[in-house]
Amino acid sequence: MSLGPLMIDIRATELTRVECDLLKHPLVGGVILFKRNFKSAEQVLELVAEIHALREPELLIAVDQEGGRVQRFQAPLTTLPPMRALGHCYDAQGSASLRYAHASGWLMAAEVGALGLDFSFAPVLDVDRGLCDVIGDRALHSEPAVVARLALAYMQGMEAAGMAAVAKHFPSHAGVVADTHLQVAEDRRPFSELLDDLEPYRRLIDNGLAGVMAAHVAFSSVDPRPAGFSAWWLRTQLRGELGFKGAIFSDDLSMAGAASVGDMVARVEVALEAGCDMALICNAPDDVVTVLERLRLEANPRSQLRLMRLRRRRDWDWSTLQTSAEWLDAQQRVAELDQPPALSLEG
C-alpha cells in the first residue's frame, strides 16, 4: 500500500475502532495531532506506535509545534516562545541570534521526534506587516531578509535533529487582515509587490526545503482562487520559478477560507489538481468519510517520493534525550529567548 493524499485527524488520546478503519483506507497518508490528542509523553508514544502499526508503509504523523500560541504538545515538552522572540533577539544581537534560531529548531524537532512524530508544520515564513492578527507573533520579523536568515537557521536546526521542515503559509499571509479559519481572505497587491514576501521561500528552497503548506489566501491580481487551489501559484511559481522539489500540503480544507471552492470533495480534488501532494481535512469527520467514499484518484509516484522524504531521520529516545548535552544546551538558549525583548519590531 502507498501513502494516500489525505491527512486527517483523530478525536482524542486513543484511537477508536472507526478511526482505525479510516486510517487504513488507501486514500489516507497521514495524521495530524492536536492538543486534544496529548495527555502525556508516554501516552503520545503509545498513540503513535498504535498508528504506525496499522499499515505499511507507516502513516506520516505531524503536529503544529511552532511555540507561543501554536504549541499543541505541552509539558514535559519545553514551553517554546513565539517565533517573534527570535526576531527580537535578532534586533538586539544581530547575527548572534542565528545560534538561538538553530537551537530553537533543534529543540522543537528533537522533542517532537522523540515522541515518534515525523514533522511539525514549521517554520512560519510570513513577513510581519502588522495586518494579520492570526499570524501576529508567529511571524519572525518585519524584514523579509531577516525572516529568511532566521528561518534558514531554524530549518537547519530541525534538520540536525533529523526532521524535515514544512514552511508556511505560501506564498504569504502577510497582506490580509482576515483570519482564514473564519473568513475568505483576499490580497489585492500586484505580483510585483509580493516578491519580498517570497524571499524567505526562495532562500530556504535554495537550501533544500522539504515541504511547504499553501495559504487559503486569494491573490486576485494573478488568480481568483486561494493559493492552495491555484496551479499558477503551486506549479508555475513554486515549482517552476522557485524550483521547489519538496512536498506541498494544503492548509486545513475545513477552514472558511477554502469554502469558495465548493464542498469537501471538490476542495480535495481542486487542491490536488492544482499541485498539492497532500490535502488536510481537520475537525470534520463526516466530511472525511464522504471524501473517502467519493474521491477517485490514481497514485502519483512523484508525490509518494516527496512525501516519503518527510519521514523522521533520527530515532530519539524520550528518556535519554533530556540528559543529552545537546538538549541541555538548546534548553538554555531557548530559556534565554523567553525574556522581555530589548527592542520591539513594531517600533
C-alpha atoms as a PDB file:
ATOM      1  CA  MET A   1       0.000   0.000   0.000  1.00  0.00           C
ATOM      2  CA  SER A   2       1.226   3.513  -0.804  1.00  0.00           C
ATOM      3  CA  LEU A   3       0.667   6.730   1.129  1.00  0.00           C
ATOM      4  CA  GLY A   4      -2.623   8.323   0.153  1.00  0.00           C
ATOM      5  CA  PRO A   5      -3.058  12.058  -0.463  1.00  0.00           C
ATOM      6  CA  LEU A   6      -5.156  12.824   2.645  1.00  0.00           C
ATOM      7  CA  MET A   7      -4.025  13.848   6.112  1.00  0.00           C
ATOM      8  CA  ILE A   8      -6.775  13.548   8.705  1.00  0.00           C
ATOM      9  CA  ASP A   9      -7.150  13.955  12.471  1.00  0.00           C
ATOM     10  CA  ILE A  10      -8.462  11.914  15.400  1.00  0.00           C
ATOM     11  CA  ARG A  11     -10.725  12.945  18.252  1.00  0.00           C
ATOM     12  CA  ALA A  12      -8.930  12.044  21.481  1.00  0.00           C
ATOM     13  CA  THR A  13      -5.904  10.443  23.114  1.00  0.00           C
ATOM     14  CA  GLU A  14      -6.731   6.922  21.916  1.00  0.00           C
ATOM     15  CA  LEU A  15      -7.879   5.515  18.600  1.00  0.00           C
ATOM     16  CA  THR A  16     -11.418   4.297  18.153  1.00  0.00           C
ATOM     17  CA  ARG A  17     -12.247   1.289  16.009  1.00  0.00           C
ATOM     18  CA  VAL A  18     -13.828   3.575  13.410  1.00  0.00           C
ATOM     19  CA  GLU A  19     -10.688   5.723  13.296  1.00  0.00           C
ATOM     20  CA  CYS A  20      -8.512   2.656  12.828  1.00  0.00           C
ATOM     21  CA  ASP A  21     -10.593   1.708   9.806  1.00  0.00           C
ATOM     22  CA  LEU A  22     -10.343   5.226   8.372  1.00  0.00           C
ATOM     23  CA  LEU A  23      -6.578   5.315   8.822  1.00  0.00           C
ATOM     24  CA  LYS A  24      -6.259   2.029   6.938  1.00  0.00           C
ATOM     25  CA  HIS A  25      -8.012   3.475   3.898  1.00  0.00           C
ATOM     26  CA  PRO A  26      -5.638   3.702   0.894  1.00  0.00           C
ATOM     27  CA  LEU A  27      -6.509   7.378   0.322  1.00  0.00           C
ATOM     28  CA  VAL A  28      -5.132   8.304   3.761  1.00  0.00           C
ATOM     29  CA  GLY A  29      -1.427   9.014   4.054  1.00  0.00           C
ATOM     30  CA  GLY A  30      -1.044  10.998   7.237  1.00  0.00           C
ATOM     31  CA  VAL A  31      -2.399  12.031  10.623  1.00  0.00           C
ATOM     32  CA  ILE A  32      -2.168  15.450  12.261  1.00  0.00           C
ATOM     33  CA  LEU A  33      -2.287  15.577  16.059  1.00  0.00           C
ATOM     34  CA  PHE A  34      -3.721  18.421  18.130  1.00  0.00           C
ATOM     35  CA  LYS A  35      -3.747  19.500  21.768  1.00  0.00           C
ATOM     36  CA  ARG A  36      -6.734  17.227  22.416  1.00  0.00           C
ATOM     37  CA  ASN A  37      -4.576  14.242  21.429  1.00  0.00           C
ATOM     38  CA  PHE A  38      -1.931  14.995  24.083  1.00  0.00           C
ATOM     39  CA  LYS A  39      -2.108  13.892  27.714  1.00  0.00           C
ATOM     40  CA  SER A  40       1.498  12.934  28.400  1.00  0.00           C
ATOM     41  CA  ALA A  41       4.668  11.988  26.573  1.00  0.00           C
ATOM     42  CA  GLU A  42       4.100   8.323  27.361  1.00  0.00           C
ATOM     43  CA  GLN A  43       0.527   8.453  26.059  1.00  0.00           C
ATOM     44  CA  VAL A  44       1.629  10.060  22.764  1.00  0.00           C
ATOM     45  CA  LEU A  45       4.353   7.459  22.339  1.00  0.00           C
ATOM     46  CA  GLU A  46       1.712   4.736  22.690  1.00  0.00           C
ATOM     47  CA  LEU A  47      -0.699   6.514  20.335  1.00  0.00           C
ATOM     48  CA  VAL A  48       1.975   6.987  17.681  1.00  0.00           C
ATOM     49  CA  ALA A  49       3.037   3.347  17.958  1.00  0.00           C
ATOM     50  CA  GLU A  50      -0.595   2.279  17.504  1.00  0.00           C
ATOM     51  CA  ILE A  51      -0.962   4.470  14.413  1.00  0.00           C
ATOM     52  CA  HIS A  52       2.269   3.179  12.916  1.00  0.00           C
ATOM     53  CA  ALA A  53       1.225  -0.424  13.499  1.00  0.00           C
ATOM     54  CA  LEU A  54      -1.909  -0.031  11.382  1.00  0.00           C
ATOM     55  CA  ARG A  55      -0.253  -0.326   7.989  1.00  0.00           C
ATOM     56  CA  GLU A  56       2.887  -0.436   5.894  1.00  0.00           C
ATOM     57  CA  PRO A  57       4.334   1.940   4.895  1.00  0.00           C
ATOM     58  CA  GLU A  58       3.640   3.748   8.138  1.00  0.00           C
ATOM     59  CA  LEU A  59       1.421   6.810   8.009  1.00  0.00           C
ATOM     60  CA  LEU A  60       3.124  10.182   8.321  1.00  0.00           C
ATOM     61  CA  ILE A  61       2.355  11.859  11.652  1.00  0.00           C
ATOM     62  CA  ALA A  62       2.553  15.639  12.035  1.00  0.00           C
ATOM     63  CA  VAL A  63       1.763  18.422  14.500  1.00  0.00           C
ATOM     64  CA  ASP A  64       1.810  22.216  14.720  1.00  0.00           C
ATOM     65  CA  GLN A  65       4.555  22.859  17.287  1.00  0.00           C
ATOM     66  CA  GLU A  66       5.674  26.409  16.479  1.00  0.00           C
ATOM     67  CA  GLY A  67       5.777  27.774  20.023  1.00  0.00           C
ATOM     68  CA  GLY A  68       3.833  30.583  21.633  1.00  0.00           C
ATOM     69  CA  ARG A  69       0.120  30.434  20.767  1.00  0.00           C
ATOM     70  CA  VAL A  70       0.615  27.444  18.486  1.00  0.00           C
ATOM     71  CA  GLN A  71       2.136  24.655  20.552  1.00  0.00           C
ATOM     72  CA  ARG A  72      -0.023  21.542  20.658  1.00  0.00           C
ATOM     73  CA  PHE A  73       2.175  19.451  22.968  1.00  0.00           C
ATOM     74  CA  GLN A  74       2.883  20.902  26.407  1.00  0.00           C
ATOM     75  CA  ALA A  75       4.879  19.768  29.464  1.00  0.00           C
ATOM     76  CA  PRO A  76       7.015  17.742  29.764  1.00  0.00           C
ATOM     77  CA  LEU A  77       7.996  19.174  26.378  1.00  0.00           C
ATOM     78  CA  THR A  78       9.697  22.546  26.542  1.00  0.00           C
ATOM     79  CA  THR A  79       7.429  25.585  26.520  1.00  0.00           C
ATOM     80  CA  LEU A  80       8.645  27.364  23.397  1.00  0.00           C
ATOM     81  CA  PRO A  81       8.407  31.147  22.994  1.00  0.00           C
ATOM     82  CA  PRO A  82       6.663  32.516  19.896  1.00  0.00           C
ATOM     83  CA  MET A  83       8.834  32.840  16.813  1.00  0.00           C
ATOM     84  CA  ARG A  84       8.725  36.603  17.231  1.00  0.00           C
ATOM     85  CA  ALA A  85      11.165  36.155  20.137  1.00  0.00           C
ATOM     86  CA  LEU A  86      13.815  35.218  17.581  1.00  0.00           C
ATOM     87  CA  GLY A  87      13.134  38.446  15.714  1.00  0.00           C
ATOM     88  CA  HIS A  88      13.549  40.458  18.896  1.00  0.00           C
ATOM     89  CA  CYS A  89      16.793  38.586  19.520  1.00  0.00           C
ATOM     90  CA  TYR A  90      17.975  39.491  16.026  1.00  0.00           C
ATOM     91  CA  ASP A  91      17.261  43.185  16.634  1.00  0.00           C
ATOM     92  CA  ALA A  92      19.212  43.075  19.878  1.00  0.00           C
ATOM     93  CA  GLN A  93      22.099  40.775  18.912  1.00  0.00           C
ATOM     94  CA  GLY A  94      22.271  40.629  15.113  1.00  0.00           C
ATOM     95  CA  SER A  95      23.816  37.511  13.642  1.00  0.00           C
ATOM     96  CA  ALA A  96      24.361  36.019  17.104  1.00  0.00           C
ATOM     97  CA  SER A  97      20.605  35.354  17.089  1.00  0.00           C
ATOM     98  CA  LEU A  98      21.108  32.702  14.409  1.00  0.00           C
ATOM     99  CA  ARG A  99      22.516  30.374  17.078  1.00  0.00           C
ATOM    100  CA  TYR A 100      19.294  30.806  19.032  1.00  0.00           C
ATOM    101  CA  ALA A 101      17.227  30.109  15.913  1.00  0.00           C
ATOM    102  CA  HIS A 102      19.218  26.943  15.231  1.00  0.00           C
ATOM    103  CA  ALA A 103      18.821  25.816  18.856  1.00  0.00           C
ATOM    104  CA  SER A 104      15.067  26.522  18.770  1.00  0.00           C
ATOM    105  CA  GLY A 105      14.587  24.452  15.623  1.00  0.00           C
ATOM    106  CA  TRP A 106      16.725  21.654  17.019  1.00  0.00           C
ATOM    107  CA  LEU A 107      14.927  21.533  20.364  1.00  0.00           C
ATOM    108  CA  MET A 108      11.438  21.533  18.863  1.00  0.00           C
ATOM    109  CA  ALA A 109      12.351  18.841  16.346  1.00  0.00           C
ATOM    110  CA  ALA A 110      14.239  16.638  18.797  1.00  0.00           C
ATOM    111  CA  GLU A 111      11.382  16.636  21.309  1.00  0.00           C
ATOM    112  CA  VAL A 112       8.640  16.052  18.741  1.00  0.00           C
ATOM    113  CA  GLY A 113      10.753  13.415  17.017  1.00  0.00           C
ATOM    114  CA  ALA A 114      11.388  11.659  20.336  1.00  0.00           C
ATOM    115  CA  LEU A 115       7.637  11.090  20.555  1.00  0.00           C
ATOM    116  CA  GLY A 116       7.756   9.309  17.207  1.00  0.00           C
ATOM    117  CA  LEU A 117       6.266  12.036  15.006  1.00  0.00           C
ATOM    118  CA  ASP A 118       7.716  12.772  11.597  1.00  0.00           C
ATOM    119  CA  PHE A 119       7.473  16.552  11.378  1.00  0.00           C
ATOM    120  CA  SER A 120       5.962  19.795  12.589  1.00  0.00           C
ATOM    121  CA  PHE A 121       4.472  22.371  10.236  1.00  0.00           C
ATOM    122  CA  ALA A 122       7.236  24.915  10.814  1.00  0.00           C
ATOM    123  CA  PRO A 123       8.772  27.426  10.432  1.00  0.00           C
ATOM    124  CA  VAL A 124       6.331  30.245   9.689  1.00  0.00           C
ATOM    125  CA  LEU A 125       7.714  32.358   6.827  1.00  0.00           C
ATOM    126  CA  ASP A 126       5.024  35.042   6.778  1.00  0.00           C
ATOM    127  CA  VAL A 127       6.549  38.514   6.963  1.00  0.00           C
ATOM    128  CA  ASP A 128       5.045  40.640   9.721  1.00  0.00           C
ATOM    129  CA  ARG A 129       3.308  43.594   8.052  1.00  0.00           C
ATOM    130  CA  GLY A 130       1.206  44.432  11.107  1.00  0.00           C
ATOM    131  CA  LEU A 131      -2.070  43.453   9.437  1.00  0.00           C
ATOM    132  CA  CYS A 132      -2.919  39.855  10.312  1.00  0.00           C
ATOM    133  CA  ASP A 133      -3.671  39.104  13.970  1.00  0.00           C
ATOM    134  CA  VAL A 134      -3.917  35.365  13.355  1.00  0.00           C
ATOM    135  CA  ILE A 135      -0.224  35.474  12.388  1.00  0.00           C
ATOM    136  CA  GLY A 136       0.959  38.207  14.764  1.00  0.00           C
ATOM    137  CA  ASP A 137       3.842  36.990  16.916  1.00  0.00           C
ATOM    138  CA  ARG A 138       4.037  33.770  14.909  1.00  0.00           C
ATOM    139  CA  ALA A 139       6.000  35.834  12.362  1.00  0.00           C
ATOM    140  CA  LEU A 140       9.746  36.051  12.818  1.00  0.00           C
ATOM    141  CA  HIS A 141      10.260  39.647  11.712  1.00  0.00           C
ATOM    142  CA  SER A 142       9.023  42.524   9.571  1.00  0.00           C
ATOM    143  CA  GLU A 143      12.009  42.405   7.186  1.00  0.00           C
ATOM    144  CA  PRO A 144      11.947  39.608   4.570  1.00  0.00           C
ATOM    145  CA  ALA A 145      15.736  39.241   4.613  1.00  0.00           C
ATOM    146  CA  VAL A 146      15.724  38.779   8.400  1.00  0.00           C
ATOM    147  CA  VAL A 147      12.870  36.251   8.183  1.00  0.00           C
ATOM    148  CA  ALA A 148      14.943  34.363   5.603  1.00  0.00           C
ATOM    149  CA  ARG A 149      18.097  34.322   7.761  1.00  0.00           C
ATOM    150  CA  LEU A 150      16.350  33.248  10.945  1.00  0.00           C
ATOM    151  CA  ALA A 151      14.148  30.681   9.226  1.00  0.00           C
ATOM    152  CA  LEU A 152      17.125  29.112   7.478  1.00  0.00           C
ATOM    153  CA  ALA A 153      18.962  28.718  10.786  1.00  0.00           C
ATOM    154  CA  TYR A 154      15.786  27.294  12.349  1.00  0.00           C
ATOM    155  CA  MET A 155      15.370  24.830   9.461  1.00  0.00           C
ATOM    156  CA  GLN A 156      18.988  23.735   9.767  1.00  0.00           C
ATOM    157  CA  GLY A 157      18.431  23.120  13.477  1.00  0.00           C
ATOM    158  CA  MET A 158      15.447  20.934  12.646  1.00  0.00           C
ATOM    159  CA  GLU A 159      17.498  19.035  10.091  1.00  0.00           C
ATOM    160  CA  ALA A 160      20.295  18.471  12.616  1.00  0.00           C
ATOM    161  CA  ALA A 161      17.697  16.808  14.850  1.00  0.00           C
ATOM    162  CA  GLY A 162      16.561  14.588  11.974  1.00  0.00           C
ATOM    163  CA  MET A 163      13.370  16.437  10.996  1.00  0.00           C
ATOM    164  CA  ALA A 164      12.403  17.971   7.661  1.00  0.00           C
ATOM    165  CA  ALA A 165      10.938  21.480   7.668  1.00  0.00           C
ATOM    166  CA  VAL A 166       7.487  22.228   6.242  1.00  0.00           C
ATOM    167  CA  ALA A 167       7.284  26.010   5.912  1.00  0.00           C
ATOM    168  CA  LYS A 168       4.056  28.013   5.817  1.00  0.00           C
ATOM    169  CA  HIS A 169       1.923  29.791   4.561  1.00  0.00           C
ATOM    170  CA  PHE A 170       2.907  30.007   0.885  1.00  0.00           C
ATOM    171  CA  PRO A 171       3.101  32.499  -0.722  1.00  0.00           C
ATOM    172  CA  SER A 172       2.163  34.838   2.144  1.00  0.00           C
ATOM    173  CA  HIS A 173      -0.406  35.580   4.772  1.00  0.00           C
ATOM    174  CA  ALA A 174       1.153  38.964   5.462  1.00  0.00           C
ATOM    175  CA  GLY A 175      -1.051  41.201   3.330  1.00  0.00           C
ATOM    176  CA  VAL A 176      -4.507  40.311   4.678  1.00  0.00           C
ATOM    177  CA  VAL A 177      -6.445  41.108   7.832  1.00  0.00           C
ATOM    178  CA  ALA A 178      -8.912  38.204   7.631  1.00  0.00           C
ATOM    179  CA  ASP A 179      -8.429  35.024   9.637  1.00  0.00           C
ATOM    180  CA  THR A 180      -8.819  32.248   7.059  1.00  0.00           C
ATOM    181  CA  HIS A 181     -10.143  29.922   9.776  1.00  0.00           C
ATOM    182  CA  LEU A 182     -13.235  32.133   9.769  1.00  0.00           C
ATOM    183  CA  GLN A 183     -13.287  34.150   6.527  1.00  0.00           C
ATOM    184  CA  VAL A 184     -12.287  34.203   2.891  1.00  0.00           C
ATOM    185  CA  ALA A 185      -9.092  36.279   2.582  1.00  0.00           C
ATOM    186  CA  GLU A 186      -8.065  38.339  -0.428  1.00  0.00           C
ATOM    187  CA  ASP A 187      -4.738  40.098  -1.010  1.00  0.00           C
ATOM    188  CA  ARG A 188      -5.122  42.656  -3.797  1.00  0.00           C
ATOM    189  CA  ARG A 189      -1.461  43.590  -4.143  1.00  0.00           C
ATOM    190  CA  PRO A 190       0.042  43.314  -7.646  1.00  0.00           C
ATOM    191  CA  PHE A 191       2.513  40.492  -8.108  1.00  0.00           C
ATOM    192  CA  SER A 192       5.445  42.925  -8.130  1.00  0.00           C
ATOM    193  CA  GLU A 193       4.626  43.822  -4.510  1.00  0.00           C
ATOM    194  CA  LEU A 194       4.613  40.173  -3.445  1.00  0.00           C
ATOM    195  CA  LEU A 195       8.212  39.464  -4.397  1.00  0.00           C
ATOM    196  CA  ASP A 196       9.576  40.466  -0.989  1.00  0.00           C
ATOM    197  CA  ASP A 197       7.215  38.001   0.688  1.00  0.00           C
ATOM    198  CA  LEU A 198       8.671  35.235  -1.480  1.00  0.00           C
ATOM    199  CA  GLU A 199      12.267  35.940  -0.451  1.00  0.00           C
ATOM    200  CA  PRO A 200      12.228  33.611   2.611  1.00  0.00           C
ATOM    201  CA  TYR A 201      10.874  30.770   0.453  1.00  0.00           C
ATOM    202  CA  ARG A 202      13.497  31.370  -2.177  1.00  0.00           C
ATOM    203  CA  ARG A 203      16.264  31.222   0.442  1.00  0.00           C
ATOM    204  CA  LEU A 204      15.027  28.042   2.093  1.00  0.00           C
ATOM    205  CA  ILE A 205      14.252  26.316  -1.209  1.00  0.00           C
ATOM    206  CA  ASP A 206      17.792  27.018  -2.371  1.00  0.00           C
ATOM    207  CA  ASN A 207      18.931  25.215   0.787  1.00  0.00           C
ATOM    208  CA  GLY A 208      16.777  22.111   0.366  1.00  0.00           C
ATOM    209  CA  LEU A 209      13.417  22.919   1.968  1.00  0.00           C
ATOM    210  CA  ALA A 210      11.453  19.645   2.073  1.00  0.00           C
ATOM    211  CA  GLY A 211       7.869  20.844   2.470  1.00  0.00           C
ATOM    212  CA  VAL A 212       5.511  23.792   2.088  1.00  0.00           C
ATOM    213  CA  MET A 213       1.965  24.470   3.289  1.00  0.00           C
ATOM    214  CA  ALA A 214      -0.091  26.687   0.985  1.00  0.00           C
ATOM    215  CA  ALA A 215      -2.236  29.560   2.234  1.00  0.00           C
ATOM    216  CA  HIS A 216      -6.003  29.930   1.914  1.00  0.00           C
ATOM    217  CA  VAL A 217      -5.396  33.452   0.609  1.00  0.00           C
ATOM    218  CA  ALA A 218      -6.519  34.590  -2.847  1.00  0.00           C
ATOM    219  CA  PHE A 219      -4.198  36.952  -4.717  1.00  0.00           C
ATOM    220  CA  SER A 220      -6.747  38.426  -7.079  1.00  0.00           C
ATOM    221  CA  SER A 221      -4.244  40.233  -9.299  1.00  0.00           C
ATOM    222  CA  VAL A 222      -2.957  36.863 -10.562  1.00  0.00           C
ATOM    223  CA  ASP A 223      -5.624  34.226  -9.742  1.00  0.00           C
ATOM    224  CA  PRO A 224      -9.058  34.476  -8.077  1.00  0.00           C
ATOM    225  CA  ARG A 225      -8.608  31.139  -6.320  1.00  0.00           C
ATOM    226  CA  PRO A 226      -6.779  30.848  -2.982  1.00  0.00           C
ATOM    227  CA  ALA A 227      -3.125  29.872  -3.439  1.00  0.00           C
ATOM    228  CA  GLY A 228      -3.654  26.307  -2.227  1.00  0.00           C
ATOM    229  CA  PHE A 229      -6.082  25.740  -5.104  1.00  0.00           C
ATOM    230  CA  SER A 230      -4.067  27.637  -7.716  1.00  0.00           C
ATOM    231  CA  ALA A 231      -1.922  25.838 -10.283  1.00  0.00           C
ATOM    232  CA  TRP A 232      -0.406  29.240 -11.106  1.00  0.00           C
ATOM    233  CA  TRP A 233       0.963  29.528  -7.585  1.00  0.00           C
ATOM    234  CA  LEU A 234       1.823  25.898  -6.941  1.00  0.00           C
ATOM    235  CA  ARG A 235       3.054  24.752 -10.338  1.00  0.00           C
ATOM    236  CA  THR A 236       4.107  27.892 -12.220  1.00  0.00           C
ATOM    237  CA  GLN A 237       5.599  29.842  -9.326  1.00  0.00           C
ATOM    238  CA  LEU A 238       6.521  27.410  -6.539  1.00  0.00           C
ATOM    239  CA  ARG A 239       7.729  24.501  -8.643  1.00  0.00           C
ATOM    240  CA  GLY A 240       8.623  26.446 -11.796  1.00  0.00           C
ATOM    241  CA  GLU A 241      10.073  29.824 -10.842  1.00  0.00           C
ATOM    242  CA  LEU A 242      11.308  28.919  -7.360  1.00  0.00           C
ATOM    243  CA  GLY A 243      12.423  25.403  -8.277  1.00  0.00           C
ATOM    244  CA  PHE A 244      10.775  23.721  -5.295  1.00  0.00           C
ATOM    245  CA  LYS A 245      11.085  19.927  -5.352  1.00  0.00           C
ATOM    246  CA  GLY A 246       9.551  19.054  -1.994  1.00  0.00           C
ATOM    247  CA  ALA A 247       6.047  18.138  -0.824  1.00  0.00           C
ATOM    248  CA  ILE A 248       3.159  20.611  -0.968  1.00  0.00           C
ATOM    249  CA  PHE A 249       0.373  20.491   1.638  1.00  0.00           C
ATOM    250  CA  SER A 250      -2.941  22.268   1.595  1.00  0.00           C
ATOM    251  CA  ASP A 251      -3.953  24.111   4.722  1.00  0.00           C
ATOM    252  CA  ASP A 252      -6.939  22.626   6.546  1.00  0.00           C
ATOM    253  CA  LEU A 253      -9.689  22.327   3.943  1.00  0.00           C
ATOM    254  CA  SER A 254     -12.425  22.635   6.559  1.00  0.00           C
ATOM    255  CA  MET A 255     -11.458  26.271   7.156  1.00  0.00           C
ATOM    256  CA  ALA A 256     -13.791  29.005   5.933  1.00  0.00           C
ATOM    257  CA  GLY A 257     -11.055  30.340   3.678  1.00  0.00           C
ATOM    258  CA  ALA A 258     -11.475  27.246   1.492  1.00  0.00           C
ATOM    259  CA  ALA A 259     -15.261  27.388   1.223  1.00  0.00           C
ATOM    260  CA  SER A 260     -15.364  29.282  -2.084  1.00  0.00           C
ATOM    261  CA  VAL A 261     -14.111  26.205  -3.937  1.00  0.00           C
ATOM    262  CA  GLY A 262     -17.126  24.018  -3.143  1.00  0.00           C
ATOM    263  CA  ASP A 263     -17.891  21.036  -0.934  1.00  0.00           C
ATOM    264  CA  MET A 264     -15.138  18.985   0.683  1.00  0.00           C
ATOM    265  CA  VAL A 265     -14.779  16.554  -2.211  1.00  0.00           C
ATOM    266  CA  ALA A 266     -14.369  19.469  -4.619  1.00  0.00           C
ATOM    267  CA  ARG A 267     -11.847  21.128  -2.301  1.00  0.00           C
ATOM    268  CA  VAL A 268      -9.698  17.999  -2.192  1.00  0.00           C
ATOM    269  CA  GLU A 269      -9.935  17.442  -5.936  1.00  0.00           C
ATOM    270  CA  VAL A 270      -9.043  21.040  -6.815  1.00  0.00           C
ATOM    271  CA  ALA A 271      -6.174  21.193  -4.293  1.00  0.00           C
ATOM    272  CA  LEU A 272      -4.604  18.005  -5.642  1.00  0.00           C
ATOM    273  CA  GLU A 273      -5.134  19.025  -9.271  1.00  0.00           C
ATOM    274  CA  ALA A 274      -3.512  22.402  -8.559  1.00  0.00           C
ATOM    275  CA  GLY A 275      -0.373  20.716  -7.285  1.00  0.00           C
ATOM    276  CA  CYS A 276      -0.793  19.718  -3.626  1.00  0.00           C
ATOM    277  CA  ASP A 277       0.682  16.343  -2.725  1.00  0.00           C
ATOM    278  CA  MET A 278      -1.408  16.019   0.429  1.00  0.00           C
ATOM    279  CA  ALA A 279      -4.678  17.658   1.494  1.00  0.00           C
ATOM    280  CA  LEU A 280      -5.598  18.221   5.145  1.00  0.00           C
ATOM    281  CA  ILE A 281      -9.123  17.666   6.498  1.00  0.00           C
ATOM    282  CA  CYS A 282      -9.398  18.540  10.180  1.00  0.00           C
ATOM    283  CA  ASN A 283     -12.282  18.698  12.645  1.00  0.00           C
ATOM    284  CA  ALA A 284     -14.716  17.377  10.033  1.00  0.00           C
ATOM    285  CA  PRO A 285     -15.050  13.571  10.473  1.00  0.00           C
ATOM    286  CA  ASP A 286     -18.231  13.319   8.404  1.00  0.00           C
ATOM    287  CA  ASP A 287     -16.500  15.079   5.508  1.00  0.00           C
ATOM    288  CA  VAL A 288     -13.606  12.636   5.773  1.00  0.00           C
ATOM    289  CA  VAL A 289     -15.995   9.720   5.342  1.00  0.00           C
ATOM    290  CA  THR A 290     -17.660  11.388   2.354  1.00  0.00           C
ATOM    291  CA  VAL A 291     -14.331  12.090   0.654  1.00  0.00           C
ATOM    292  CA  LEU A 292     -13.121   8.536   1.199  1.00  0.00           C
ATOM    293  CA  GLU A 293     -16.339   7.219  -0.346  1.00  0.00           C
ATOM    294  CA  ARG A 294     -16.415   9.529  -3.369  1.00  0.00           C
ATOM    295  CA  LEU A 295     -12.841  10.506  -4.273  1.00  0.00           C
ATOM    296  CA  ARG A 296     -11.336   8.611  -7.201  1.00  0.00           C
ATOM    297  CA  LEU A 297      -7.601   9.031  -7.731  1.00  0.00           C
ATOM    298  CA  GLU A 298      -4.653   7.133  -9.094  1.00  0.00           C
ATOM    299  CA  ALA A 299      -1.447   7.032  -7.056  1.00  0.00           C
ATOM    300  CA  ASN A 300       1.099   9.690  -8.010  1.00  0.00           C
ATOM    301  CA  PRO A 301       4.635   8.220  -7.804  1.00  0.00           C
ATOM    302  CA  ARG A 302       6.260  11.657  -7.612  1.00  0.00           C
ATOM    303  CA  SER A 303       4.039  12.666  -4.708  1.00  0.00           C
ATOM    304  CA  GLN A 304       4.875   9.392  -2.991  1.00  0.00           C
ATOM    305  CA  LEU A 305       8.588  10.090  -3.212  1.00  0.00           C
ATOM    306  CA  ARG A 306       8.226  13.661  -1.984  1.00  0.00           C
ATOM    307  CA  LEU A 307       6.113  12.556   0.991  1.00  0.00           C
ATOM    308  CA  MET A 308       8.411   9.692   1.952  1.00  0.00           C
ATOM    309  CA  ARG A 309      11.281  12.179   2.243  1.00  0.00           C
ATOM    310  CA  LEU A 310       9.450  13.752   5.183  1.00  0.00           C
ATOM    311  CA  ARG A 311       9.916  10.770   7.464  1.00  0.00           C
ATOM    312  CA  ARG A 312      11.910  11.430  10.618  1.00  0.00           C
ATOM    313  CA  ARG A 313      15.542  10.528  10.088  1.00  0.00           C
ATOM    314  CA  ARG A 314      16.700  10.138  13.677  1.00  0.00           C
ATOM    315  CA  ASP A 315      15.190   7.924  16.360  1.00  0.00           C
ATOM    316  CA  TRP A 316      15.460   9.795  19.631  1.00  0.00           C
ATOM    317  CA  ASP A 317      14.708   8.090  22.912  1.00  0.00           C
ATOM    318  CA  TRP A 318      12.492  10.364  25.008  1.00  0.00           C
ATOM    319  CA  SER A 319      14.103   9.392  28.311  1.00  0.00           C
ATOM    320  CA  THR A 320      17.718   9.767  27.238  1.00  0.00           C
ATOM    321  CA  LEU A 321      17.122  12.916  25.162  1.00  0.00           C
ATOM    322  CA  GLN A 322      16.640  15.008  28.282  1.00  0.00           C
ATOM    323  CA  THR A 323      20.060  14.094  29.661  1.00  0.00           C
ATOM    324  CA  SER A 324      21.967  14.777  26.451  1.00  0.00           C
ATOM    325  CA  ALA A 325      24.374  17.718  26.232  1.00  0.00           C
ATOM    326  CA  GLU A 326      22.642  18.894  23.042  1.00  0.00           C
ATOM    327  CA  TRP A 327      19.254  19.060  24.767  1.00  0.00           C
ATOM    328  CA  LEU A 328      20.600  20.878  27.812  1.00  0.00           C
ATOM    329  CA  ASP A 329      22.374  23.465  25.656  1.00  0.00           C
ATOM    330  CA  ALA A 330      19.310  24.052  23.479  1.00  0.00           C
ATOM    331  CA  GLN A 331      17.105  24.326  26.573  1.00  0.00           C
ATOM    332  CA  GLN A 332      19.353  27.022  27.987  1.00  0.00           C
ATOM    333  CA  ARG A 333      19.336  29.050  24.772  1.00  0.00           C
ATOM    334  CA  VAL A 334      15.577  28.869  24.414  1.00  0.00           C
ATOM    335  CA  ALA A 335      15.134  29.880  28.063  1.00  0.00           C
ATOM    336  CA  GLU A 336      17.269  32.953  27.369  1.00  0.00           C
ATOM    337  CA  LEU A 337      14.995  33.813  24.449  1.00  0.00           C
ATOM    338  CA  ASP A 338      11.909  33.815  26.631  1.00  0.00           C
ATOM    339  CA  GLN A 339      12.807  37.151  28.227  1.00  0.00           C
ATOM    340  CA  PRO A 340      11.378  40.654  27.661  1.00  0.00           C
ATOM    341  CA  PRO A 341      12.768  41.961  24.341  1.00  0.00           C
ATOM    342  CA  ALA A 342      15.226  44.817  24.258  1.00  0.00           C
ATOM    343  CA  LEU A 343      13.644  46.164  21.100  1.00  0.00           C
ATOM    344  CA  SER A 344      10.182  45.951  19.527  1.00  0.00           C
ATOM    345  CA  LEU A 345       9.569  45.032  15.913  1.00  0.00           C
ATOM    346  CA  GLU A 346       6.600  47.385  15.820  1.00  0.00           C
ATOM    347  CA  GLY A 347       8.644  50.479  16.605  1.00  0.00           C
END
